[in-house]
């Protein structure tokens, strides 16, 4: 299982959007947009766990425009979570 870290998300980003985007490349479980505790709005980044296809997803989606913003996608490191 590999964890991907996503950056440059819109404040309105939802977990379901991440699932749909990454499911093209493989099995996604779980996905999570990190939100502010007080407002509930996205903090601009999130994580997607993938059983397979993570490397392909990183290669294809890094720089991909989502809602007119280029995503930053990379493998999550231990201190990212």
PDB file of N, CA and C in Angstrom:
ATOM      1  N   UNK A   1       0.858  -1.172   0.000  1.00  0.00           N
ATOM      2  CA  UNK A   1       0.000   0.000   0.000  1.00  0.00           C
ATOM      3  C   UNK A   1       0.903   1.234   0.000  1.00  0.00           C
ATOM      4  N   UNK A   2       0.640   2.158  -0.923  1.00  0.00           N
ATOM      5  CA  UNK A   2       1.394   3.402  -0.998  1.00  0.00           C
ATOM      6  C   UNK A   2       0.476   4.576  -0.703  1.00  0.00           C
ATOM      7  N   UNK A   3       1.029   5.553  -0.027  1.00  0.00           N
ATOM      8  CA  UNK A   3       0.296   6.780   0.275  1.00  0.00           C
ATOM      9  C   UNK A   3       0.780   7.884  -0.649  1.00  0.00           C
ATOM     10  N   UNK A   4      -0.155   8.571  -1.274  1.00  0.00           N
ATOM     11  CA  UNK A   4       0.165   9.721  -2.107  1.00  0.00           C
ATOM     12  C   UNK A   4      -0.289  10.979  -1.389  1.00  0.00           C
ATOM     13  N   UNK A   5       0.550  11.999  -1.443  1.00  0.00           N
ATOM     14  CA  UNK A   5       0.200  13.287  -0.860  1.00  0.00           C
ATOM     15  C   UNK A   5      -0.169  14.225  -1.995  1.00  0.00           C
ATOM     16  N   UNK A   6      -1.257  14.968  -1.825  1.00  0.00           N
ATOM     17  CA  UNK A   6      -1.717  15.925  -2.826  1.00  0.00           C
ATOM     18  C   UNK A   6      -1.674  17.316  -2.242  1.00  0.00           C
ATOM     19  N   UNK A   7      -1.208  18.239  -3.028  1.00  0.00           N
ATOM     20  CA  UNK A   7      -1.178  19.630  -2.606  1.00  0.00           C
ATOM     21  C   UNK A   7      -1.820  20.523  -3.649  1.00  0.00           C
ATOM     22  N   UNK A   8      -2.096  21.746  -3.276  1.00  0.00           N
ATOM     23  CA  UNK A   8      -2.675  22.771  -4.126  1.00  0.00           C
ATOM     24  C   UNK A   8      -4.145  22.497  -4.441  1.00  0.00           C
ATOM     25  N   UNK A   9      -4.851  21.875  -3.504  1.00  0.00           N
ATOM     26  CA  UNK A   9      -6.281  21.623  -3.677  1.00  0.00           C
ATOM     27  C   UNK A   9      -7.079  22.889  -3.376  1.00  0.00           C
ATOM     28  N   UNK A  10      -8.223  23.015  -4.020  1.00  0.00           N
ATOM     29  CA  UNK A  10      -9.129  24.119  -3.704  1.00  0.00           C
ATOM     30  C   UNK A  10      -9.695  23.942  -2.303  1.00  0.00           C
ATOM     31  N   UNK A  11     -10.144  25.027  -1.705  1.00  0.00           N
ATOM     32  CA  UNK A  11     -10.739  24.952  -0.365  1.00  0.00           C
ATOM     33  C   UNK A  11     -12.030  24.145  -0.381  1.00  0.00           C
ATOM     34  N   UNK A  12     -12.654  24.018  -1.535  1.00  0.00           N
ATOM     35  CA  UNK A  12     -13.912  23.293  -1.653  1.00  0.00           C
ATOM     36  C   UNK A  12     -13.721  21.813  -2.020  1.00  0.00           C
ATOM     37  N   UNK A  13     -12.494  21.337  -2.099  1.00  0.00           N
ATOM     38  CA  UNK A  13     -12.211  19.948  -2.505  1.00  0.00           C
ATOM     39  C   UNK A  13     -12.863  18.944  -1.547  1.00  0.00           C
ATOM     40  N   UNK A  14     -13.351  17.847  -2.106  1.00  0.00           N
ATOM     41  CA  UNK A  14     -14.032  16.796  -1.338  1.00  0.00           C
ATOM     42  C   UNK A  14     -13.328  15.454  -1.538  1.00  0.00           C
ATOM     43  N   UNK A  15     -13.474  14.571  -0.545  1.00  0.00           N
ATOM     44  CA  UNK A  15     -12.885  13.228  -0.606  1.00  0.00           C
ATOM     45  C   UNK A  15     -13.302  12.489  -1.866  1.00  0.00           C
ATOM     46  N   UNK A  16     -14.581  12.594  -2.231  1.00  0.00           N
ATOM     47  CA  UNK A  16     -15.113  11.865  -3.383  1.00  0.00           C
ATOM     48  C   UNK A  16     -14.406  12.257  -4.677  1.00  0.00           C
ATOM     49  N   UNK A  17     -14.036  13.529  -4.803  1.00  0.00           N
ATOM     50  CA  UNK A  17     -13.325  13.992  -5.992  1.00  0.00           C
ATOM     51  C   UNK A  17     -11.969  13.314  -6.110  1.00  0.00           C
ATOM     52  N   UNK A  18     -11.293  13.141  -4.980  1.00  0.00           N
ATOM     53  CA  UNK A  18      -9.995  12.471  -5.002  1.00  0.00           C
ATOM     54  C   UNK A  18     -10.150  11.012  -5.403  1.00  0.00           C
ATOM     55  N   UNK A  19     -11.168  10.351  -4.863  1.00  0.00           N
ATOM     56  CA  UNK A  19     -11.417   8.944  -5.201  1.00  0.00           C
ATOM     57  C   UNK A  19     -11.637   8.791  -6.708  1.00  0.00           C
ATOM     58  N   UNK A  20     -12.490   9.629  -7.277  1.00  0.00           N
ATOM     59  CA  UNK A  20     -12.783   9.545  -8.702  1.00  0.00           C
ATOM     60  C   UNK A  20     -11.538   9.787  -9.550  1.00  0.00           C
ATOM     61  N   UNK A  21     -10.740  10.750  -9.181  1.00  0.00           N
ATOM     62  CA  UNK A  21      -9.542  11.096  -9.932  1.00  0.00           C
ATOM     63  C   UNK A  21      -8.511   9.967  -9.912  1.00  0.00           C
ATOM     64  N   UNK A  22      -8.297   9.363  -8.744  1.00  0.00           N
ATOM     65  CA  UNK A  22      -7.263   8.345  -8.601  1.00  0.00           C
ATOM     66  C   UNK A  22      -7.728   6.939  -8.966  1.00  0.00           C
ATOM     67  N   UNK A  23      -9.029   6.673  -8.941  1.00  0.00           N
ATOM     68  CA  UNK A  23      -9.551   5.337  -9.226  1.00  0.00           C
ATOM     69  C   UNK A  23      -9.226   4.877 -10.643  1.00  0.00           C
ATOM     70  N   UNK A  24      -8.970   5.784 -11.542  1.00  0.00           N
ATOM     71  CA  UNK A  24      -8.594   5.444 -12.911  1.00  0.00           C
ATOM     72  C   UNK A  24      -7.292   4.640 -12.932  1.00  0.00           C
ATOM     73  N   UNK A  25      -6.431   4.843 -11.949  1.00  0.00           N
ATOM     74  CA  UNK A  25      -5.106   4.231 -11.920  1.00  0.00           C
ATOM     75  C   UNK A  25      -5.029   2.968 -11.069  1.00  0.00           C
ATOM     76  N   UNK A  26      -6.006   2.734 -10.215  1.00  0.00           N
ATOM     77  CA  UNK A  26      -5.983   1.546  -9.375  1.00  0.00           C
ATOM     78  C   UNK A  26      -6.937   1.659  -8.202  1.00  0.00           C
ATOM     79  N   UNK A  27      -6.807   0.697  -7.309  1.00  0.00           N
ATOM     80  CA  UNK A  27      -7.679   0.594  -6.145  1.00  0.00           C
ATOM     81  C   UNK A  27      -7.336   1.675  -5.118  1.00  0.00           C
ATOM     82  N   UNK A  28      -8.335   2.481  -4.738  1.00  0.00           N
ATOM     83  CA  UNK A  28      -8.154   3.598  -3.804  1.00  0.00           C
ATOM     84  C   UNK A  28      -8.834   3.279  -2.485  1.00  0.00           C
ATOM     85  N   UNK A  29      -8.062   3.418  -1.377  1.00  0.00           N
ATOM     86  CA  UNK A  29      -8.644   3.151  -0.065  1.00  0.00           C
ATOM     87  C   UNK A  29      -7.699   3.619   1.020  1.00  0.00           C
ATOM     88  N   UNK A  30      -8.025   4.436   1.873  1.00  0.00           N
ATOM     89  CA  UNK A  30      -9.018   5.513   1.838  1.00  0.00           C
ATOM     90  C   UNK A  30      -8.416   6.765   1.228  1.00  0.00           C
ATOM     91  N   UNK A  31      -9.233   7.756   0.978  1.00  0.00           N
ATOM     92  CA  UNK A  31      -8.803   9.056   0.495  1.00  0.00           C
ATOM     93  C   UNK A  31      -9.272  10.084   1.507  1.00  0.00           C
ATOM     94  N   UNK A  32      -8.501  11.165   1.640  1.00  0.00           N
ATOM     95  CA  UNK A  32      -8.897  12.143   2.670  1.00  0.00           C
ATOM     96  C   UNK A  32      -8.362  13.530   2.344  1.00  0.00           C
ATOM     97  N   UNK A  33      -9.267  14.481   2.245  1.00  0.00           N
ATOM     98  CA  UNK A  33      -8.898  15.886   2.164  1.00  0.00           C
ATOM     99  C   UNK A  33      -8.741  16.353   3.600  1.00  0.00           C
ATOM    100  N   UNK A  34      -7.630  16.956   3.921  1.00  0.00           N
ATOM    101  CA  UNK A  34      -7.397  17.450   5.285  1.00  0.00           C
ATOM    102  C   UNK A  34      -8.165  18.757   5.453  1.00  0.00           C
ATOM    103  N   UNK A  35      -8.958  18.823   6.510  1.00  0.00           N
ATOM    104  CA  UNK A  35      -9.814  19.989   6.729  1.00  0.00           C
ATOM    105  C   UNK A  35      -9.462  20.714   8.024  1.00  0.00           C
ATOM    106  N   UNK A  36      -9.822  21.966   8.060  1.00  0.00           N
ATOM    107  CA  UNK A  36      -9.664  22.793   9.251  1.00  0.00           C
ATOM    108  C   UNK A  36     -10.717  22.377  10.272  1.00  0.00           C
ATOM    109  N   UNK A  37     -10.322  22.193  11.501  1.00  0.00           N
ATOM    110  CA  UNK A  37     -11.264  21.755  12.541  1.00  0.00           C
ATOM    111  C   UNK A  37     -12.380  22.742  12.813  1.00  0.00           C
ATOM    112  N   UNK A  38     -12.065  24.015  12.719  1.00  0.00           N
ATOM    113  CA  UNK A  38     -13.060  25.036  13.044  1.00  0.00           C
ATOM    114  C   UNK A  38     -14.031  25.313  11.901  1.00  0.00           C
ATOM    115  N   UNK A  39     -13.522  25.396  10.666  1.00  0.00           N
ATOM    116  CA  UNK A  39     -14.371  25.780   9.539  1.00  0.00           C
ATOM    117  C   UNK A  39     -14.865  24.586   8.730  1.00  0.00           C
ATOM    118  N   UNK A  40     -14.155  23.457   8.800  1.00  0.00           N
ATOM    119  CA  UNK A  40     -14.512  22.293   8.004  1.00  0.00           C
ATOM    120  C   UNK A  40     -14.074  22.390   6.549  1.00  0.00           C
ATOM    121  N   UNK A  41     -13.423  23.490   6.172  1.00  0.00           N
ATOM    122  CA  UNK A  41     -12.954  23.668   4.799  1.00  0.00           C
ATOM    123  C   UNK A  41     -11.601  22.998   4.604  1.00  0.00           C
ATOM    124  N   UNK A  42     -11.336  22.633   3.351  1.00  0.00           N
ATOM    125  CA  UNK A  42     -10.054  22.018   3.005  1.00  0.00           C
ATOM    126  C   UNK A  42      -8.895  22.930   3.406  1.00  0.00           C
ATOM    127  N   UNK A  43      -7.805  22.312   3.829  1.00  0.00           N
ATOM    128  CA  UNK A  43      -6.595  23.075   4.136  1.00  0.00           C
ATOM    129  C   UNK A  43      -5.668  23.133   2.927  1.00  0.00           C
ATOM    130  N   UNK A  44      -6.138  22.584   1.786  1.00  0.00           N
ATOM    131  CA  UNK A  44      -5.362  22.687   0.554  1.00  0.00           C
ATOM    132  C   UNK A  44      -4.511  21.469   0.246  1.00  0.00           C
ATOM    133  N   UNK A  45      -4.628  20.415   1.082  1.00  0.00           N
ATOM    134  CA  UNK A  45      -3.885  19.195   0.789  1.00  0.00           C
ATOM    135  C   UNK A  45      -4.655  17.979   1.274  1.00  0.00           C
ATOM    136  N   UNK A  46      -4.207  16.813   0.827  1.00  0.00           N
ATOM    137  CA  UNK A  46      -4.885  15.590   1.209  1.00  0.00           C
ATOM    138  C   UNK A  46      -4.019  14.375   0.936  1.00  0.00           C
ATOM    139  N   UNK A  47      -4.560  13.193   1.184  1.00  0.00           N
ATOM    140  CA  UNK A  47      -3.847  11.932   1.019  1.00  0.00           C
ATOM    141  C   UNK A  47      -4.743  10.909   0.342  1.00  0.00           C
ATOM    142  N   UNK A  48      -4.127  10.053  -0.464  1.00  0.00           N
ATOM    143  CA  UNK A  48      -4.824   8.944  -1.109  1.00  0.00           C
ATOM    144  C   UNK A  48      -3.968   7.707  -0.936  1.00  0.00           C
ATOM    145  N   UNK A  49      -4.537   6.630  -0.379  1.00  0.00           N
ATOM    146  CA  UNK A  49      -3.839   5.351  -0.277  1.00  0.00           C
ATOM    147  C   UNK A  49      -4.246   4.481  -1.451  1.00  0.00           C
ATOM    148  N   UNK A  50      -3.240   3.841  -2.066  1.00  0.00           N
ATOM    149  CA  UNK A  50      -3.513   2.990  -3.227  1.00  0.00           C
ATOM    150  C   UNK A  50      -2.798   1.659  -3.081  1.00  0.00           C
ATOM    151  N   UNK A  51      -3.516   0.574  -3.402  1.00  0.00           N
ATOM    152  CA  UNK A  51      -2.910  -0.748  -3.378  1.00  0.00           C
ATOM    153  C   UNK A  51      -2.043  -0.974  -4.606  1.00  0.00           C
ATOM    154  N   UNK A  52      -2.462  -0.448  -5.742  1.00  0.00           N
ATOM    155  CA  UNK A  52      -1.702  -0.575  -6.976  1.00  0.00           C
ATOM    156  C   UNK A  52      -1.904   0.687  -7.802  1.00  0.00           C
ATOM    157  N   UNK A  53      -0.993   0.952  -8.722  1.00  0.00           N
ATOM    158  CA  UNK A  53      -1.119   2.103  -9.602  1.00  0.00           C
ATOM    159  C   UNK A  53      -0.666   3.423  -9.029  1.00  0.00           C
ATOM    160  N   UNK A  54      -0.071   3.426  -7.839  1.00  0.00           N
ATOM    161  CA  UNK A  54       0.334   4.686  -7.201  1.00  0.00           C
ATOM    162  C   UNK A  54       1.399   5.428  -8.008  1.00  0.00           C
ATOM    163  N   UNK A  55       2.387   4.698  -8.508  1.00  0.00           N
ATOM    164  CA  UNK A  55       3.456   5.352  -9.273  1.00  0.00           C
ATOM    165  C   UNK A  55       2.915   5.969 -10.561  1.00  0.00           C
ATOM    166  N   UNK A  56       2.020   5.252 -11.225  1.00  0.00           N
ATOM    167  CA  UNK A  56       1.410   5.778 -12.443  1.00  0.00           C
ATOM    168  C   UNK A  56       0.569   7.016 -12.141  1.00  0.00           C
ATOM    169  N   UNK A  57      -0.165   6.965 -11.036  1.00  0.00           N
ATOM    170  CA  UNK A  57      -0.994   8.109 -10.640  1.00  0.00           C
ATOM    171  C   UNK A  57      -0.125   9.336 -10.381  1.00  0.00           C
ATOM    172  N   UNK A  58       0.988   9.150  -9.700  1.00  0.00           N
ATOM    173  CA  UNK A  58       1.899  10.270  -9.426  1.00  0.00           C
ATOM    174  C   UNK A  58       2.413  10.855 -10.738  1.00  0.00           C
ATOM    175  N   UNK A  59       2.870   9.970 -11.634  1.00  0.00           N
ATOM    176  CA  UNK A  59       3.434  10.425 -12.907  1.00  0.00           C
ATOM    177  C   UNK A  59       2.403  11.182 -13.750  1.00  0.00           C
ATOM    178  N   UNK A  60       1.177  10.708 -13.781  1.00  0.00           N
ATOM    179  CA  UNK A  60       0.149  11.308 -14.620  1.00  0.00           C
ATOM    180  C   UNK A  60      -0.531  12.523 -13.989  1.00  0.00           C
ATOM    181  N   UNK A  61      -0.695  12.517 -12.678  1.00  0.00           N
ATOM    182  CA  UNK A  61      -1.503  13.563 -12.037  1.00  0.00           C
ATOM    183  C   UNK A  61      -0.701  14.723 -11.472  1.00  0.00           C
ATOM    184  N   UNK A  62       0.615  14.573 -11.306  1.00  0.00           N
ATOM    185  CA  UNK A  62       1.416  15.689 -10.823  1.00  0.00           C
ATOM    186  C   UNK A  62       1.418  16.770 -11.905  1.00  0.00           C
ATOM    187  N   UNK A  63       0.868  17.926 -11.601  1.00  0.00           N
ATOM    188  CA  UNK A  63       0.732  19.019 -12.554  1.00  0.00           C
ATOM    189  C   UNK A  63      -0.609  19.027 -13.270  1.00  0.00           C
ATOM    190  N   UNK A  64      -1.410  17.966 -13.110  1.00  0.00           N
ATOM    191  CA  UNK A  64      -2.743  17.880 -13.719  1.00  0.00           C
ATOM    192  C   UNK A  64      -3.634  18.969 -13.120  1.00  0.00           C
ATOM    193  N   UNK A  65      -4.390  19.638 -13.971  1.00  0.00           N
ATOM    194  CA  UNK A  65      -5.269  20.698 -13.475  1.00  0.00           C
ATOM    195  C   UNK A  65      -6.571  20.123 -12.944  1.00  0.00           C
ATOM    196  N   UNK A  66      -6.881  20.473 -11.718  1.00  0.00           N
ATOM    197  CA  UNK A  66      -8.141  20.112 -11.083  1.00  0.00           C
ATOM    198  C   UNK A  66      -8.787  21.416 -10.648  1.00  0.00           C
ATOM    199  N   UNK A  67      -9.927  21.733 -11.220  1.00  0.00           N
ATOM    200  CA  UNK A  67     -10.606  23.000 -10.932  1.00  0.00           C
ATOM    201  C   UNK A  67      -9.691  24.190 -11.191  1.00  0.00           C
ATOM    202  N   UNK A  68      -8.988  24.139 -12.319  1.00  0.00           N
ATOM    203  CA  UNK A  68      -8.084  25.191 -12.802  1.00  0.00           C
ATOM    204  C   UNK A  68      -6.835  25.413 -11.938  1.00  0.00           C
ATOM    205  N   UNK A  69      -6.501  24.439 -11.094  1.00  0.00           N
ATOM    206  CA  UNK A  69      -5.278  24.535 -10.287  1.00  0.00           C
ATOM    207  C   UNK A  69      -4.413  23.307 -10.539  1.00  0.00           C
ATOM    208  N   UNK A  70      -3.111  23.480 -10.756  1.00  0.00           N
ATOM    209  CA  UNK A  70      -2.238  22.320 -10.975  1.00  0.00           C
ATOM    210  C   UNK A  70      -1.990  21.571  -9.659  1.00  0.00           C
ATOM    211  N   UNK A  71      -2.302  20.298  -9.651  1.00  0.00           N
ATOM    212  CA  UNK A  71      -2.080  19.480  -8.455  1.00  0.00           C
ATOM    213  C   UNK A  71      -0.599  19.213  -8.247  1.00  0.00           C
ATOM    214  N   UNK A  72      -0.215  19.079  -7.013  1.00  0.00           N
ATOM    215  CA  UNK A  72       1.118  18.584  -6.656  1.00  0.00           C
ATOM    216  C   UNK A  72       0.896  17.208  -6.034  1.00  0.00           C
ATOM    217  N   UNK A  73       1.390  16.182  -6.707  1.00  0.00           N
ATOM    218  CA  UNK A  73       1.193  14.813  -6.251  1.00  0.00           C
ATOM    219  C   UNK A  73       2.561  14.171  -6.062  1.00  0.00           C
ATOM    220  N   UNK A  74       2.773  13.575  -4.894  1.00  0.00           N
ATOM    221  CA  UNK A  74       4.031  12.891  -4.601  1.00  0.00           C
ATOM    222  C   UNK A  74       3.767  11.758  -3.622  1.00  0.00           C
ATOM    223  N   UNK A  75       4.759  10.907  -3.457  1.00  0.00           N
ATOM    224  CA  UNK A  75       4.633   9.846  -2.462  1.00  0.00           C
ATOM    225  C   UNK A  75       4.744  10.459  -1.076  1.00  0.00           C
ATOM    226  N   UNK A  76       3.817  10.126  -0.210  1.00  0.00           N
ATOM    227  CA  UNK A  76       3.841  10.662   1.157  1.00  0.00           C
ATOM    228  C   UNK A  76       4.984  10.020   1.934  1.00  0.00           C
ATOM    229  N   UNK A  77       5.672  10.797   2.684  1.00  0.00           N
ATOM    230  CA  UNK A  77       6.751  10.314   3.555  1.00  0.00           C
ATOM    231  C   UNK A  77       6.196  10.125   4.957  1.00  0.00           C
ATOM    232  N   UNK A  78       6.920   9.445   5.820  1.00  0.00           N
ATOM    233  CA  UNK A  78       6.468   9.146   7.166  1.00  0.00           C
ATOM    234  C   UNK A  78       6.048  10.362   7.969  1.00  0.00           C
ATOM    235  N   UNK A  79       6.726  11.494   7.793  1.00  0.00           N
ATOM    236  CA  UNK A  79       6.407  12.686   8.571  1.00  0.00           C
ATOM    237  C   UNK A  79       5.322  13.547   7.920  1.00  0.00           C
ATOM    238  N   UNK A  80       4.834  13.160   6.722  1.00  0.00           N
ATOM    239  CA  UNK A  80       3.772  13.919   6.058  1.00  0.00           C
ATOM    240  C   UNK A  80       2.434  13.734   6.755  1.00  0.00           C
ATOM    241  N   UNK A  81       2.196  12.571   7.321  1.00  0.00           N
ATOM    242  CA  UNK A  81       0.891  12.259   7.908  1.00  0.00           C
ATOM    243  C   UNK A  81       0.857  12.812   9.265  1.00  0.00           C
TER     244      UNK A  81
END
